[in-house]
Amino acid sequence: MSGVIARGVVPAALEMMDAAITRAVEDFVGTGYPRDAAAVLLVEVDGLSAGVAEEAEIVGEVARSHGVRTVRIAADDAERALLWKGRKSAFGAVARIAPDYYLHDAVVPRTRLVDVLNRVYEISEEYDLTMLNVFHAGDGNLHPLISFDRRTPGVWERVREAGDAILTTCVEAGGVLSGEHGVGLEKRDLMHLVFTPDDLDAQARVRDAFDPLGRANPGKVLPAGSRCGELSAPLRA
């Protein structure tokens, strides 16, 4: 990924799916992805025909130089649409594995993607959970996806703890809590990992200025204790 950009090619899209989600997608829609691949990387370049052909060749060269087994270039719009159908069907395919999933959204430097992914898999083993990964590789925006059945006793606690461990790993790797979906209840109490007490206090004051009565999503935006002098234990939803 970084090698492609280093060669002067900035793809319109650069998406990655790991082995588990690739197999689920193939079972679901059958796009022709290799079922035995460790991962699938979808790269799309755009522009004038001559430029696209040249950039596609560069992407292929970089991929092969990094040990990629197969490089497949869509022959026409129909094949291109089929390849993207698999990526867009990923979250629907997860339902074939278990009835529930817990999706996270965090960002890490591209140079740390492999390290962080390896740690994500370790976390899944530590908590005895099924983990799948499908994400925006071009900007390091990870979407670790925990597949589970909430009817299993104690599983929700393990899912939440594993999610917190993943987010902590991403921040420690130089990343942030969210790349596109924002901070919600599941990340609220981890904001201290990236914000200082003064940062949180400033955010709380801005929130109070626009919502002095605290009627808009009370208790969901900032962790308890964000305001200077507020001495209350953090809430846990």
Protein backbone atom coordinates (compact mmCIF):
# COMPACT_ATOMS: atom_id res chain seq x y z
CA MET A 1 0.00 0.00 0.00
CA SER A 2 2.68 2.46 0.98
CA GLY A 3 4.77 1.16 -1.92
CA VAL A 4 2.04 2.07 -4.39
CA ILE A 5 1.79 5.60 -3.09
CA ALA A 6 5.58 5.89 -2.98
CA ARG A 7 5.60 5.22 -6.75
CA GLY A 8 3.43 8.28 -7.29
CA VAL A 9 0.11 6.47 -7.67
CA VAL A 10 -2.73 7.69 -5.48
CA PRO A 11 -5.56 5.17 -5.96
CA ALA A 12 -9.20 6.23 -6.03
CA ALA A 13 -9.79 3.33 -3.64
CA LEU A 14 -7.60 0.82 -1.82
CA GLU A 15 -9.55 -1.76 0.15
CA MET A 16 -8.45 -4.89 1.96
CA MET A 17 -10.27 -8.02 3.13
CA ASP A 18 -8.66 -10.76 5.20
CA ALA A 19 -9.03 -14.49 4.67
CA ALA A 20 -12.04 -14.99 6.92
CA ILE A 21 -14.17 -12.25 5.37
CA THR A 22 -13.06 -13.28 1.86
CA ARG A 23 -14.37 -16.80 2.37
CA ALA A 24 -17.62 -15.45 3.82
CA VAL A 25 -18.08 -13.20 0.80
CA GLU A 26 -17.42 -16.04 -1.61
CA ASP A 27 -20.02 -18.18 0.15
CA PHE A 28 -22.46 -15.27 -0.05
CA VAL A 29 -22.09 -13.80 -3.56
CA GLY A 30 -19.33 -15.73 -5.36
CA THR A 31 -17.21 -12.98 -6.88
CA GLY A 32 -14.26 -15.15 -7.81
CA TYR A 33 -11.93 -14.09 -5.02
CA PRO A 34 -9.30 -16.75 -4.20
CA ARG A 35 -10.66 -18.66 -1.22
CA ASP A 36 -7.19 -19.72 -0.07
CA ALA A 37 -5.64 -16.23 -0.09
CA ALA A 38 -4.43 -14.71 3.16
CA ALA A 39 -5.97 -11.42 2.05
CA VAL A 40 -7.49 -9.65 -0.94
CA LEU A 41 -6.47 -6.09 -1.84
CA LEU A 42 -8.75 -4.13 -4.16
CA VAL A 43 -7.10 -1.18 -5.88
CA GLU A 44 -8.91 1.21 -8.20
CA VAL A 45 -7.23 3.91 -10.24
CA ASP A 46 -9.02 6.51 -12.31
CA GLY A 47 -8.28 9.08 -15.01
CA LEU A 48 -7.70 8.99 -18.76
CA SER A 49 -7.30 5.57 -20.38
CA ALA A 50 -3.55 5.81 -20.99
CA GLY A 51 -2.88 7.01 -17.46
CA VAL A 52 -5.06 4.33 -15.92
CA ALA A 53 -3.27 1.60 -17.84
CA GLU A 54 0.13 2.90 -16.71
CA GLU A 55 -0.92 3.20 -13.07
CA ALA A 56 -2.49 -0.25 -13.11
CA GLU A 57 0.83 -1.64 -14.36
CA ILE A 58 2.70 0.14 -11.56
CA VAL A 59 0.29 -1.24 -8.96
CA GLY A 60 0.86 -4.74 -10.36
CA GLU A 61 4.64 -4.31 -10.24
CA VAL A 62 4.57 -3.15 -6.64
CA ALA A 63 2.24 -5.97 -5.64
CA ARG A 64 4.43 -8.65 -7.20
CA SER A 65 7.55 -7.17 -5.62
CA HIS A 66 5.89 -7.67 -2.22
CA GLY A 67 5.04 -11.32 -2.82
CA VAL A 68 1.45 -11.02 -4.02
CA ARG A 69 0.50 -14.32 -5.59
CA THR A 70 -2.08 -13.15 -8.13
CA VAL A 71 -2.77 -9.80 -9.77
CA ARG A 72 -6.13 -9.58 -11.49
CA ILE A 73 -7.17 -6.60 -13.60
CA ALA A 74 -10.85 -6.24 -14.47
CA ALA A 75 -11.35 -6.78 -18.19
CA ASP A 76 -14.48 -4.64 -18.40
CA ASP A 77 -17.03 -2.71 -16.34
CA ALA A 78 -19.00 -5.87 -15.58
CA GLU A 79 -16.00 -7.59 -14.03
CA ARG A 80 -15.07 -4.44 -12.15
CA ALA A 81 -18.59 -4.25 -10.72
CA LEU A 82 -18.43 -7.90 -9.67
CA LEU A 83 -15.15 -7.39 -7.82
CA TRP A 84 -16.59 -4.42 -5.97
CA LYS A 85 -19.81 -6.30 -5.26
CA GLY A 86 -17.82 -8.63 -3.05
CA ARG A 87 -16.38 -5.78 -1.00
CA LYS A 88 -19.75 -4.07 -0.70
CA SER A 89 -21.39 -7.33 0.38
CA ALA A 90 -18.90 -7.99 3.16
CA PHE A 91 -21.06 -6.93 6.09
CA GLY A 92 -24.06 -8.80 4.75
CA ALA A 93 -21.92 -11.91 4.42
CA VAL A 94 -21.04 -11.79 8.11
CA ALA A 95 -24.59 -12.86 8.97
CA ARG A 96 -23.73 -16.28 7.57
CA ILE A 97 -21.21 -16.72 10.39
CA ALA A 98 -23.16 -15.51 13.43
CA PRO A 99 -26.28 -13.41 14.08
CA ASP A 100 -24.47 -10.45 15.68
CA TYR A 101 -21.36 -8.42 15.03
CA TYR A 102 -19.51 -5.58 16.71
CA LEU A 103 -17.72 -3.25 14.31
CA HIS A 104 -14.97 -0.84 15.24
CA ASP A 105 -13.52 2.12 13.37
CA ALA A 106 -10.01 3.31 14.13
CA VAL A 107 -7.06 4.69 12.19
CA VAL A 108 -3.39 3.73 12.34
CA PRO A 109 -0.39 4.79 10.24
CA ARG A 110 -0.17 2.67 7.10
CA THR A 111 3.32 1.57 8.12
CA ARG A 112 1.84 -0.02 11.27
CA LEU A 113 -1.07 -1.86 9.63
CA VAL A 114 0.58 -5.28 9.66
CA ASP A 115 1.69 -4.98 13.28
CA VAL A 116 -1.75 -3.84 14.41
CA LEU A 117 -3.56 -6.54 12.44
CA ASN A 118 -1.36 -9.21 13.98
CA ARG A 119 -2.23 -7.86 17.41
CA VAL A 120 -5.94 -7.81 16.52
CA TYR A 121 -5.77 -11.52 15.73
CA GLU A 122 -3.96 -12.14 19.01
CA ILE A 123 -6.73 -10.32 20.86
CA SER A 124 -9.36 -12.46 19.16
CA GLU A 125 -7.56 -15.59 20.40
CA GLU A 126 -7.14 -14.19 23.90
CA TYR A 127 -10.88 -13.54 24.18
CA ASP A 128 -11.92 -16.63 22.19
CA LEU A 129 -13.78 -14.59 19.55
CA THR A 130 -14.22 -14.75 15.78
CA MET A 131 -12.51 -11.75 14.19
CA LEU A 132 -12.78 -10.58 10.59
CA ASN A 133 -11.14 -7.58 8.98
CA VAL A 134 -12.34 -5.51 6.05
CA PHE A 135 -11.07 -1.97 5.82
CA HIS A 136 -9.87 1.10 3.92
CA ALA A 137 -6.19 0.25 3.61
CA GLY A 138 -5.27 3.40 1.72
CA ASP A 139 -5.68 5.63 4.74
CA GLY A 140 -5.13 3.08 7.49
CA ASN A 141 -8.80 3.11 8.51
CA LEU A 142 -9.34 -0.24 10.23
CA HIS A 143 -12.69 -1.94 10.75
CA PRO A 144 -12.09 -4.98 12.97
CA LEU A 145 -15.34 -6.92 13.07
CA ILE A 146 -16.18 -9.29 15.90
CA SER A 147 -18.76 -11.90 14.93
CA PHE A 148 -20.72 -13.47 17.80
CA ASP A 149 -24.05 -14.68 19.14
CA ARG A 150 -25.28 -12.49 21.98
CA ARG A 151 -27.26 -15.42 23.39
CA THR A 152 -23.99 -17.07 24.46
CA PRO A 153 -23.50 -16.46 28.21
CA GLY A 154 -20.74 -13.97 28.95
CA VAL A 155 -19.90 -13.27 25.30
CA TRP A 156 -20.94 -9.61 25.35
CA GLU A 157 -18.47 -8.83 28.13
CA ARG A 158 -15.68 -10.49 26.15
CA VAL A 159 -16.68 -8.61 23.01
CA ARG A 160 -16.58 -5.26 24.79
CA GLU A 161 -13.23 -5.99 26.44
CA ALA A 162 -11.74 -7.16 23.16
CA GLY A 163 -13.02 -4.01 21.45
CA ASP A 164 -11.37 -1.82 24.07
CA ALA A 165 -8.11 -3.76 23.67
CA ILE A 166 -8.20 -3.23 19.90
CA LEU A 167 -8.79 0.50 20.21
CA THR A 168 -6.00 0.81 22.78
CA THR A 169 -3.66 -1.04 20.42
CA CYS A 170 -4.52 1.35 17.58
CA VAL A 171 -3.87 4.43 19.70
CA GLU A 172 -0.58 3.02 21.03
CA ALA A 173 0.50 2.46 17.40
CA GLY A 174 0.11 6.18 16.75
CA GLY A 175 -3.49 6.09 15.62
CA VAL A 176 -6.78 7.60 16.72
CA LEU A 177 -10.15 6.30 17.93
CA SER A 178 -12.14 6.99 14.78
CA GLY A 179 -11.57 7.44 11.09
CA GLU A 180 -15.06 8.16 9.80
CA HIS A 181 -17.86 7.12 12.15
CA GLY A 182 -17.02 9.25 15.16
CA VAL A 183 -16.90 8.55 18.88
CA GLY A 184 -19.97 6.85 20.31
CA LEU A 185 -20.84 5.02 23.49
CA GLU A 186 -18.33 2.26 22.82
CA LYS A 187 -15.44 4.74 22.57
CA ARG A 188 -16.59 7.48 24.92
CA ASP A 189 -14.74 6.17 27.97
CA LEU A 190 -11.54 5.70 25.98
CA MET A 191 -11.28 9.34 24.95
CA HIS A 192 -8.65 9.87 27.63
CA LEU A 193 -6.28 7.83 25.45
CA VAL A 194 -6.06 10.66 22.92
CA PHE A 195 -7.35 13.74 24.78
CA THR A 196 -5.89 15.44 27.86
CA PRO A 197 -8.14 16.60 30.73
CA ASP A 198 -7.87 20.14 29.35
CA ASP A 199 -8.94 18.92 25.90
CA LEU A 200 -12.01 17.20 27.35
CA ASP A 201 -12.86 20.22 29.46
CA ALA A 202 -12.72 22.47 26.38
CA GLN A 203 -15.00 20.10 24.47
CA ALA A 204 -17.43 20.00 27.39
CA ARG A 205 -17.54 23.80 27.54
CA VAL A 206 -18.28 24.04 23.82
CA ARG A 207 -21.02 21.46 24.20
CA ASP A 208 -22.52 23.40 27.12
CA ALA A 209 -22.51 26.60 25.07
CA PHE A 210 -24.73 25.01 22.42
CA ASP A 211 -26.73 22.75 24.76
CA PRO A 212 -26.75 24.36 28.23
CA LEU A 213 -29.53 22.11 29.50
CA GLY A 214 -27.84 18.91 28.33
CA ARG A 215 -30.87 17.66 26.41
CA ALA A 216 -29.05 16.46 23.28
CA ASN A 217 -27.81 12.89 23.74
CA PRO A 218 -27.14 13.26 27.47
CA GLY A 219 -24.26 11.10 28.71
CA LYS A 220 -23.36 9.91 25.21
CA VAL A 221 -20.92 12.46 23.83
CA LEU A 222 -18.25 12.89 26.49
CA PRO A 223 -17.14 10.71 29.39
CA ALA A 224 -18.24 11.69 32.87
CA GLY A 225 -15.60 13.80 34.56
CA SER A 226 -14.79 15.77 31.39
CA ARG A 227 -15.41 19.12 33.05
CA CYS A 228 -12.75 20.45 35.37
CA GLY A 229 -13.78 19.87 38.97
CA GLU A 230 -16.36 17.25 38.10
CA LEU A 231 -15.61 14.30 40.35
CA SER A 232 -17.74 11.41 39.23
CA ALA A 233 -16.84 7.92 38.12
CA PRO A 234 -16.90 7.31 34.36
CA LEU A 235 -20.20 5.95 33.12
CA ARG A 236 -20.36 2.66 31.33
CA ALA A 237 -23.26 2.09 28.96
